[in-house]
Amino acid sequence: MTGADLATWRQQHGLSVEEAAALLGCYRSSIYRWEEGAMELRGSVQELLRLLQDPVIYRRATVLAGRRA
């Protein structure tokens, strides 16, 4: 997944940068850098995003991150 893919995924799910950062367990600045292509997504983040493709996992993760799905 590229930074552009992350931006698309985030927008498709209606997530702000802050919400995406909370869901992925990272800083907002990391989201900005990934989306701008200034930094590559780490393997662990890519794996988490792959897992979040499952609607059940996504729903549970958003509840844990303090956002309703």
C-alpha atoms as a PDB file:
ATOM      1  CA  MET A   1       0.000   0.000   0.000  1.00  0.00           C
ATOM      2  CA  THR A   2       1.274   3.447  -0.876  1.00  0.00           C
ATOM      3  CA  GLY A   3       0.636   6.759   0.830  1.00  0.00           C
ATOM      4  CA  ALA A   4      -1.884   7.594  -1.896  1.00  0.00           C
ATOM      5  CA  ASP A   5      -3.672   4.313  -1.152  1.00  0.00           C
ATOM      6  CA  LEU A   6      -3.743   5.240   2.528  1.00  0.00           C
ATOM      7  CA  ALA A   7      -5.281   8.623   1.711  1.00  0.00           C
ATOM      8  CA  THR A   8      -7.939   6.950  -0.434  1.00  0.00           C
ATOM      9  CA  TRP A   9      -8.674   4.353   2.249  1.00  0.00           C
ATOM     10  CA  ARG A  10      -8.928   7.048   4.916  1.00  0.00           C
ATOM     11  CA  GLN A  11     -11.292   9.154   2.822  1.00  0.00           C
ATOM     12  CA  GLN A  12     -13.442   6.149   1.883  1.00  0.00           C
ATOM     13  CA  HIS A  13     -13.926   5.444   5.580  1.00  0.00           C
ATOM     14  CA  GLY A  14     -14.599   9.084   6.420  1.00  0.00           C
ATOM     15  CA  LEU A  15     -11.631   9.271   8.772  1.00  0.00           C
ATOM     16  CA  SER A  16      -9.855  12.464   9.667  1.00  0.00           C
ATOM     17  CA  VAL A  17      -6.070  12.386   9.968  1.00  0.00           C
ATOM     18  CA  GLU A  18      -6.483  12.368  13.752  1.00  0.00           C
ATOM     19  CA  GLU A  19      -8.897   9.426  13.656  1.00  0.00           C
ATOM     20  CA  ALA A  20      -6.669   7.447  11.278  1.00  0.00           C
ATOM     21  CA  ALA A  21      -3.682   8.071  13.535  1.00  0.00           C
ATOM     22  CA  ALA A  22      -5.642   6.820  16.578  1.00  0.00           C
ATOM     23  CA  LEU A  23      -6.784   3.748  14.677  1.00  0.00           C
ATOM     24  CA  LEU A  24      -3.283   2.936  13.425  1.00  0.00           C
ATOM     25  CA  GLY A  25      -1.551   3.816  16.687  1.00  0.00           C
ATOM     26  CA  CYS A  26       0.720   6.461  15.221  1.00  0.00           C
ATOM     27  CA  TYR A  27       1.213  10.217  15.157  1.00  0.00           C
ATOM     28  CA  ARG A  28      -0.765  12.535  12.879  1.00  0.00           C
ATOM     29  CA  SER A  29       2.517  13.657  11.378  1.00  0.00           C
ATOM     30  CA  SER A  30       3.160  10.082  10.226  1.00  0.00           C
ATOM     31  CA  ILE A  31      -0.167  10.022   8.376  1.00  0.00           C
ATOM     32  CA  TYR A  32       0.703  13.307   6.658  1.00  0.00           C
ATOM     33  CA  ARG A  33       4.186  12.075   5.713  1.00  0.00           C
ATOM     34  CA  TRP A  34       2.904   8.756   4.376  1.00  0.00           C
ATOM     35  CA  GLU A  35       0.172  10.410   2.339  1.00  0.00           C
ATOM     36  CA  GLU A  36       2.601  12.981   0.930  1.00  0.00           C
ATOM     37  CA  GLY A  37       5.059  10.240   0.011  1.00  0.00           C
ATOM     38  CA  ALA A  38       7.758  11.681   2.269  1.00  0.00           C
ATOM     39  CA  MET A  39       7.940   8.424   4.215  1.00  0.00           C
ATOM     40  CA  GLU A  40       7.183   4.796   3.320  1.00  0.00           C
ATOM     41  CA  LEU A  41       4.588   2.877   5.278  1.00  0.00           C
ATOM     42  CA  ARG A  42       6.220   0.384   7.649  1.00  0.00           C
ATOM     43  CA  GLY A  43       5.414  -3.290   7.263  1.00  0.00           C
ATOM     44  CA  SER A  44       3.505  -3.331  10.545  1.00  0.00           C
ATOM     45  CA  VAL A  45       1.250  -0.499   9.401  1.00  0.00           C
ATOM     46  CA  GLN A  46       0.676  -2.185   6.058  1.00  0.00           C
ATOM     47  CA  GLU A  47      -0.283  -5.397   7.865  1.00  0.00           C
ATOM     48  CA  LEU A  48      -2.689  -3.518  10.142  1.00  0.00           C
ATOM     49  CA  LEU A  49      -4.301  -1.833   7.139  1.00  0.00           C
ATOM     50  CA  ARG A  50      -4.660  -5.234   5.485  1.00  0.00           C
ATOM     51  CA  LEU A  51      -6.411  -6.565   8.596  1.00  0.00           C
ATOM     52  CA  LEU A  52      -8.683  -3.518   8.704  1.00  0.00           C
ATOM     53  CA  GLN A  53     -10.073  -4.507   5.297  1.00  0.00           C
ATOM     54  CA  ASP A  54     -12.205  -7.039   7.199  1.00  0.00           C
ATOM     55  CA  PRO A  55     -15.425  -5.205   8.187  1.00  0.00           C
ATOM     56  CA  VAL A  56     -15.702  -6.975  11.553  1.00  0.00           C
ATOM     57  CA  ILE A  57     -12.120  -6.157  12.519  1.00  0.00           C
ATOM     58  CA  TYR A  58     -12.553  -2.572  11.286  1.00  0.00           C
ATOM     59  CA  ARG A  59     -15.729  -2.096  13.326  1.00  0.00           C
ATOM     60  CA  ARG A  60     -14.109  -3.439  16.490  1.00  0.00           C
ATOM     61  CA  ALA A  61     -10.949  -1.406  15.983  1.00  0.00           C
ATOM     62  CA  THR A  62     -12.898   1.814  15.529  1.00  0.00           C
ATOM     63  CA  VAL A  63     -14.799   1.189  18.755  1.00  0.00           C
ATOM     64  CA  LEU A  64     -11.518   0.564  20.587  1.00  0.00           C
ATOM     65  CA  ALA A  65     -10.046   3.729  19.064  1.00  0.00           C
ATOM     66  CA  GLY A  66     -13.034   5.720  20.336  1.00  0.00           C
ATOM     67  CA  ARG A  67     -14.864   6.179  17.046  1.00  0.00           C
ATOM     68  CA  ARG A  68     -18.109   4.594  15.977  1.00  0.00           C
ATOM     69  CA  ALA A  69     -17.949   2.629  12.716  1.00  0.00           C
END
